[in-house]
Amino acid sequence: MIIYNVTTNIHESVHDKWMIWMQHKHIPEMLACGKFISARLVRVLVEEEMGGVTYSVQYTTDSKETLDRYYLEDAPQLREEGEKLFGDKMLTFRTELQVISDH
């Protein structure tokens, strides 16, 4: 099991618009691409010096191969809309996590 973790710091001026877009458009579109089993949106409870509010979305997929297919087939167009809508008001970084065990 692989978790594709997308961490985003979003500026307060576009926070509400971003949250609606994430929950009602972007996350559903990510799941609809057929590469992810589930998604979890969480708030990061650390105050950033640069301001804004930080969130993490954890998308679960079955394998690194499936995630690689997402990068090739779906990522460019799914990332594009957020960049157009929020530009420099959104700072995002991505990490890949391998699940070792659940308890």
C-alpha atoms as a PDB file:
ATOM      1  CA  MET A   1       0.000   0.000   0.000  1.00  0.00           C
ATOM      2  CA  ILE A   2       1.280   3.460  -0.952  1.00  0.00           C
ATOM      3  CA  ILE A   3       0.142   6.835   0.369  1.00  0.00           C
ATOM      4  CA  TYR A   4       0.540   9.770  -1.971  1.00  0.00           C
ATOM      5  CA  ASN A   5       0.691  12.710   0.411  1.00  0.00           C
ATOM      6  CA  VAL A   6       0.060  16.226  -0.888  1.00  0.00           C
ATOM      7  CA  THR A   7       0.778  18.971   1.645  1.00  0.00           C
ATOM      8  CA  THR A   8      -0.496  22.460   0.835  1.00  0.00           C
ATOM      9  CA  ASN A   9      -0.156  25.810   2.542  1.00  0.00           C
ATOM     10  CA  ILE A  10      -3.016  28.013   1.403  1.00  0.00           C
ATOM     11  CA  HIS A  11      -3.196  31.782   1.888  1.00  0.00           C
ATOM     12  CA  GLU A  12      -6.049  33.015   4.084  1.00  0.00           C
ATOM     13  CA  SER A  13      -7.416  35.221   1.281  1.00  0.00           C
ATOM     14  CA  VAL A  14      -8.366  32.180  -0.823  1.00  0.00           C
ATOM     15  CA  HIS A  15      -8.790  29.610   1.952  1.00  0.00           C
ATOM     16  CA  ASP A  16     -12.569  29.207   1.754  1.00  0.00           C
ATOM     17  CA  LYS A  17     -12.589  29.008  -2.058  1.00  0.00           C
ATOM     18  CA  TRP A  18      -9.761  26.434  -1.947  1.00  0.00           C
ATOM     19  CA  MET A  19     -11.540  24.312   0.669  1.00  0.00           C
ATOM     20  CA  ILE A  20     -14.750  24.166  -1.380  1.00  0.00           C
ATOM     21  CA  TRP A  21     -12.772  23.349  -4.539  1.00  0.00           C
ATOM     22  CA  MET A  22     -10.804  20.608  -2.772  1.00  0.00           C
ATOM     23  CA  GLN A  23     -13.783  18.880  -1.182  1.00  0.00           C
ATOM     24  CA  HIS A  24     -16.283  19.209  -4.004  1.00  0.00           C
ATOM     25  CA  LYS A  25     -14.138  19.106  -7.131  1.00  0.00           C
ATOM     26  CA  HIS A  26     -10.457  18.201  -6.830  1.00  0.00           C
ATOM     27  CA  ILE A  27     -10.557  15.258  -4.413  1.00  0.00           C
ATOM     28  CA  PRO A  28     -13.565  13.697  -6.218  1.00  0.00           C
ATOM     29  CA  GLU A  29     -11.703  14.084  -9.543  1.00  0.00           C
ATOM     30  CA  MET A  30      -8.591  12.476  -8.054  1.00  0.00           C
ATOM     31  CA  LEU A  31     -10.644   9.499  -6.895  1.00  0.00           C
ATOM     32  CA  ALA A  32     -12.491   9.328 -10.228  1.00  0.00           C
ATOM     33  CA  CYS A  33      -9.226   8.794 -12.140  1.00  0.00           C
ATOM     34  CA  GLY A  34      -9.337   5.231 -10.809  1.00  0.00           C
ATOM     35  CA  LYS A  35      -5.832   5.145  -9.333  1.00  0.00           C
ATOM     36  CA  PHE A  36      -6.705   5.778  -5.672  1.00  0.00           C
ATOM     37  CA  ILE A  37      -8.689   3.729  -3.174  1.00  0.00           C
ATOM     38  CA  SER A  38      -9.415   6.524  -0.709  1.00  0.00           C
ATOM     39  CA  ALA A  39      -8.494  10.064   0.301  1.00  0.00           C
ATOM     40  CA  ARG A  40      -8.211  11.778   3.671  1.00  0.00           C
ATOM     41  CA  LEU A  41      -8.016  15.560   4.120  1.00  0.00           C
ATOM     42  CA  VAL A  42      -6.383  16.670   7.383  1.00  0.00           C
ATOM     43  CA  ARG A  43      -5.263  19.996   8.809  1.00  0.00           C
ATOM     44  CA  VAL A  44      -1.639  20.288   9.881  1.00  0.00           C
ATOM     45  CA  LEU A  45      -1.600  21.663  13.430  1.00  0.00           C
ATOM     46  CA  VAL A  46       1.549  23.745  13.088  1.00  0.00           C
ATOM     47  CA  GLU A  47       1.577  27.500  12.619  1.00  0.00           C
ATOM     48  CA  GLU A  48       3.810  28.478   9.721  1.00  0.00           C
ATOM     49  CA  GLU A  49       5.967  31.593   9.958  1.00  0.00           C
ATOM     50  CA  MET A  50       4.860  32.497   6.440  1.00  0.00           C
ATOM     51  CA  GLY A  51       1.206  32.410   7.525  1.00  0.00           C
ATOM     52  CA  GLY A  52      -1.572  30.584   5.746  1.00  0.00           C
ATOM     53  CA  VAL A  53      -3.207  27.338   6.753  1.00  0.00           C
ATOM     54  CA  THR A  54      -1.579  23.987   5.993  1.00  0.00           C
ATOM     55  CA  TYR A  55      -3.396  20.815   4.989  1.00  0.00           C
ATOM     56  CA  SER A  56      -2.401  17.338   3.925  1.00  0.00           C
ATOM     57  CA  VAL A  57      -4.379  15.114   1.595  1.00  0.00           C
ATOM     58  CA  GLN A  58      -3.436  11.452   1.825  1.00  0.00           C
ATOM     59  CA  TYR A  59      -4.442   9.429  -1.224  1.00  0.00           C
ATOM     60  CA  THR A  60      -4.119   5.660  -0.814  1.00  0.00           C
ATOM     61  CA  THR A  61      -3.216   3.458  -3.765  1.00  0.00           C
ATOM     62  CA  ASP A  62      -2.369  -0.218  -4.154  1.00  0.00           C
ATOM     63  CA  SER A  63       1.171   0.077  -5.537  1.00  0.00           C
ATOM     64  CA  LYS A  64       4.011   2.304  -6.702  1.00  0.00           C
ATOM     65  CA  GLU A  65       3.228   1.174 -10.256  1.00  0.00           C
ATOM     66  CA  THR A  66      -0.322   2.539  -9.983  1.00  0.00           C
ATOM     67  CA  LEU A  67       1.025   5.802  -8.594  1.00  0.00           C
ATOM     68  CA  ASP A  68       3.492   6.022 -11.483  1.00  0.00           C
ATOM     69  CA  ARG A  69       0.574   5.551 -13.918  1.00  0.00           C
ATOM     70  CA  TYR A  70      -1.209   8.440 -12.163  1.00  0.00           C
ATOM     71  CA  TYR A  71       1.862  10.649 -12.710  1.00  0.00           C
ATOM     72  CA  LEU A  72       1.911   9.803 -16.429  1.00  0.00           C
ATOM     73  CA  GLU A  73      -1.797   9.697 -17.232  1.00  0.00           C
ATOM     74  CA  ASP A  74      -3.573  12.078 -14.844  1.00  0.00           C
ATOM     75  CA  ALA A  75      -1.297  14.347 -12.801  1.00  0.00           C
ATOM     76  CA  PRO A  76      -0.613  17.105 -15.346  1.00  0.00           C
ATOM     77  CA  GLN A  77      -4.257  18.017 -15.951  1.00  0.00           C
ATOM     78  CA  LEU A  78      -5.337  17.494 -12.324  1.00  0.00           C
ATOM     79  CA  ARG A  79      -2.583  19.798 -11.042  1.00  0.00           C
ATOM     80  CA  GLU A  80      -3.173  22.466 -13.684  1.00  0.00           C
ATOM     81  CA  GLU A  81      -6.527  23.719 -12.409  1.00  0.00           C
ATOM     82  CA  GLY A  82      -5.262  24.380  -8.868  1.00  0.00           C
ATOM     83  CA  GLU A  83      -2.271  26.258 -10.237  1.00  0.00           C
ATOM     84  CA  LYS A  84      -4.550  28.415 -12.403  1.00  0.00           C
ATOM     85  CA  LEU A  85      -7.081  29.085  -9.628  1.00  0.00           C
ATOM     86  CA  PHE A  86      -4.701  29.768  -6.741  1.00  0.00           C
ATOM     87  CA  GLY A  87      -1.274  30.497  -8.240  1.00  0.00           C
ATOM     88  CA  ASP A  88       1.204  31.843  -5.719  1.00  0.00           C
ATOM     89  CA  LYS A  89      -1.422  31.773  -2.941  1.00  0.00           C
ATOM     90  CA  MET A  90      -0.875  27.992  -2.762  1.00  0.00           C
ATOM     91  CA  LEU A  91       2.399  26.278  -1.918  1.00  0.00           C
ATOM     92  CA  THR A  92       2.353  22.510  -2.417  1.00  0.00           C
ATOM     93  CA  PHE A  93       4.811  19.678  -1.953  1.00  0.00           C
ATOM     94  CA  ARG A  94       4.318  15.968  -2.456  1.00  0.00           C
ATOM     95  CA  THR A  95       5.713  12.867  -0.777  1.00  0.00           C
ATOM     96  CA  GLU A  96       5.299   9.135  -1.330  1.00  0.00           C
ATOM     97  CA  LEU A  97       4.887   6.930   1.724  1.00  0.00           C
ATOM     98  CA  GLN A  98       5.017   3.143   1.875  1.00  0.00           C
ATOM     99  CA  VAL A  99       2.741   1.539   4.458  1.00  0.00           C
ATOM    100  CA  ILE A 100       4.732  -0.956   6.526  1.00  0.00           C
ATOM    101  CA  SER A 101       2.032  -2.010   8.965  1.00  0.00           C
ATOM    102  CA  ASP A 102      -1.289  -0.955  10.436  1.00  0.00           C
ATOM    103  CA  HIS A 103      -2.067  -1.521  14.111  1.00  0.00           C
END
